[in-house]
Amino acid sequence: MKSKVTLKELVGTKIIYAMLLVCYYWMWARRDWKHYYDTVQNTVAIFTIVFFAMQAGRIHKYSKEEKDELAIQNLRRVDAFALKIMIAAVIAIAFACAVKCIDGAMAGYALVGVILLLSVLRFAAFCIMDSKGI
């Protein structure tokens, strides 16, 4: 690949990391077993290894390129906003656990779901801010 690695690409791949986290949590937290689960687990494991190897090359290439300072500033703004959303979500999940609305497994699903949702929102907000040049 001779294309330039952009910060938008690196932020977008965080969605795939979050999806892998959801898949792995599902594999760890489930309480039943079906015969096709072996196939799903092996597929996710192979995809993870291949994806991480490809990403290592892209990140190494990005570290050698010239940085876009405005994009980095926009990412910092989006990350600050996303941190506030994450703190509110974790407090809400912890409160729901404290008053016995949800159990531990459901709290885990809620946490990984929030991480996935937040990675999508982070990417969308970054794309909007980056395209408008804010």
Protein backbone atom coordinates (compact mmCIF):
# COMPACT_ATOMS: atom_id res chain seq x y z
CA MET A 1 0.00 0.00 0.00
CA LYS A 2 1.45 3.28 -1.07
CA SER A 3 -1.39 5.40 0.21
CA LYS A 4 -0.85 7.86 3.01
CA VAL A 5 -2.09 6.82 6.43
CA THR A 6 -4.52 9.37 7.83
CA LEU A 7 -5.57 10.01 11.38
CA LYS A 8 -9.16 9.43 10.27
CA GLU A 9 -8.23 5.88 9.26
CA LEU A 10 -6.56 5.20 12.60
CA VAL A 11 -9.55 6.56 14.53
CA GLY A 12 -11.93 4.50 12.37
CA THR A 13 -10.11 1.27 13.11
CA LYS A 14 -10.87 1.74 16.79
CA ILE A 15 -14.41 0.64 15.89
CA ILE A 16 -13.02 -2.73 14.82
CA TYR A 17 -11.10 -2.96 18.09
CA ALA A 18 -14.35 -2.31 19.97
CA MET A 19 -16.19 -4.97 17.93
CA LEU A 20 -13.45 -7.46 18.76
CA LEU A 21 -13.82 -6.57 22.44
CA VAL A 22 -17.57 -7.26 22.24
CA CYS A 23 -16.91 -10.61 20.53
CA TYR A 24 -14.34 -11.65 23.10
CA TYR A 25 -16.57 -10.61 25.99
CA TRP A 26 -19.40 -12.67 24.51
CA MET A 27 -17.04 -15.65 24.31
CA TRP A 28 -15.99 -15.24 27.93
CA ALA A 29 -19.36 -14.43 29.50
CA ARG A 30 -21.74 -16.86 27.81
CA ARG A 31 -23.16 -19.71 29.83
CA ASP A 32 -24.26 -22.08 27.08
CA TRP A 33 -22.44 -23.99 24.36
CA LYS A 34 -23.38 -24.68 20.77
CA HIS A 35 -21.34 -26.70 18.28
CA TYR A 36 -20.77 -23.75 15.96
CA TYR A 37 -19.14 -21.68 18.75
CA ASP A 38 -15.78 -23.30 17.96
CA THR A 39 -15.97 -21.97 14.41
CA VAL A 40 -16.91 -18.49 15.60
CA GLN A 41 -14.09 -18.43 18.16
CA ASN A 42 -11.47 -19.61 15.67
CA THR A 43 -12.63 -17.12 13.04
CA VAL A 44 -12.47 -14.23 15.49
CA ALA A 45 -9.02 -15.30 16.71
CA ILE A 46 -7.60 -15.57 13.18
CA PHE A 47 -9.15 -12.24 12.19
CA THR A 48 -7.66 -10.61 15.30
CA ILE A 49 -4.15 -11.86 14.54
CA VAL A 50 -4.31 -10.79 10.88
CA PHE A 51 -5.87 -7.42 11.72
CA PHE A 52 -3.29 -6.61 14.40
CA ALA A 53 -0.45 -7.51 12.04
CA MET A 54 -1.85 -5.24 9.33
CA GLN A 55 -2.46 -2.43 11.80
CA ALA A 56 1.08 -2.63 13.18
CA GLY A 57 2.39 -1.86 9.71
CA ARG A 58 -0.02 1.01 9.19
CA ILE A 59 0.75 2.56 12.59
CA HIS A 60 4.49 2.25 11.95
CA LYS A 61 4.02 3.98 8.60
CA TYR A 62 1.91 6.74 10.21
CA SER A 63 4.62 7.44 12.79
CA LYS A 64 7.04 8.29 9.97
CA GLU A 65 4.68 10.69 8.17
CA GLU A 66 4.08 14.38 8.71
CA LYS A 67 1.32 15.01 11.25
CA ASP A 68 -1.79 17.12 10.65
CA GLU A 69 -1.86 19.41 13.68
CA LEU A 70 -5.48 20.51 13.20
CA ALA A 71 -6.64 16.90 13.03
CA ILE A 72 -4.73 16.09 16.21
CA GLN A 73 -6.34 19.04 18.00
CA ASN A 74 -9.78 17.94 16.81
CA LEU A 75 -9.12 14.43 18.05
CA ARG A 76 -8.16 15.78 21.46
CA ARG A 77 -11.42 17.74 21.64
CA VAL A 78 -13.45 14.70 20.64
CA ASP A 79 -11.59 12.53 23.16
CA ALA A 80 -12.33 15.01 25.97
CA PHE A 81 -16.03 14.92 25.09
CA ALA A 82 -16.02 11.12 24.78
CA LEU A 83 -14.38 10.80 28.19
CA LYS A 84 -17.23 12.75 29.77
CA ILE A 85 -19.78 10.49 28.09
CA MET A 86 -17.92 7.39 29.25
CA ILE A 87 -17.77 8.61 32.84
CA ALA A 88 -21.54 9.24 32.84
CA ALA A 89 -22.21 5.80 31.34
CA VAL A 90 -20.01 4.01 33.86
CA ILE A 91 -21.69 5.83 36.74
CA ALA A 92 -25.12 4.85 35.38
CA ILE A 93 -24.08 1.20 35.00
CA ALA A 94 -22.54 1.13 38.48
CA PHE A 95 -25.70 2.65 39.96
CA ALA A 96 -27.85 0.07 38.15
CA CYS A 97 -25.69 -2.68 39.64
CA ALA A 98 -25.88 -1.14 43.11
CA VAL A 99 -29.68 -1.07 43.14
CA LYS A 100 -29.80 -4.62 41.72
CA CYS A 101 -31.34 -3.65 38.36
CA ILE A 102 -28.71 -5.61 36.46
CA ASP A 103 -26.32 -8.41 37.37
CA GLY A 104 -22.59 -8.63 36.70
CA ALA A 105 -22.83 -10.24 33.28
CA MET A 106 -25.32 -7.65 32.06
CA ALA A 107 -23.11 -4.89 33.45
CA GLY A 108 -20.25 -6.30 31.38
CA TYR A 109 -22.39 -6.36 28.25
CA ALA A 110 -23.46 -2.79 28.99
CA LEU A 111 -19.84 -1.68 29.38
CA VAL A 112 -18.61 -3.25 26.16
CA GLY A 113 -21.72 -1.95 24.39
CA VAL A 114 -20.97 1.57 25.61
CA ILE A 115 -17.38 1.21 24.41
CA LEU A 116 -18.59 0.13 20.96
CA LEU A 117 -21.15 2.94 20.78
CA LEU A 118 -18.60 5.47 21.99
CA SER A 119 -16.05 4.42 19.37
CA VAL A 120 -18.65 4.92 16.64
CA LEU A 121 -19.68 8.32 18.05
CA ARG A 122 -16.04 9.32 18.41
CA PHE A 123 -15.32 8.49 14.78
CA ALA A 124 -18.43 10.32 13.55
CA ALA A 125 -17.69 13.42 15.63
CA PHE A 126 -14.06 13.43 14.52
CA CYS A 127 -15.07 13.14 10.84
CA ILE A 128 -17.53 16.01 11.16
CA MET A 129 -15.07 18.26 12.98
CA ASP A 130 -12.23 17.35 10.61
CA SER A 131 -14.29 17.97 7.48
CA LYS A 132 -15.48 21.39 8.68
CA GLY A 133 -12.01 22.41 9.80
CA ILE A 134 -13.17 23.46 13.25
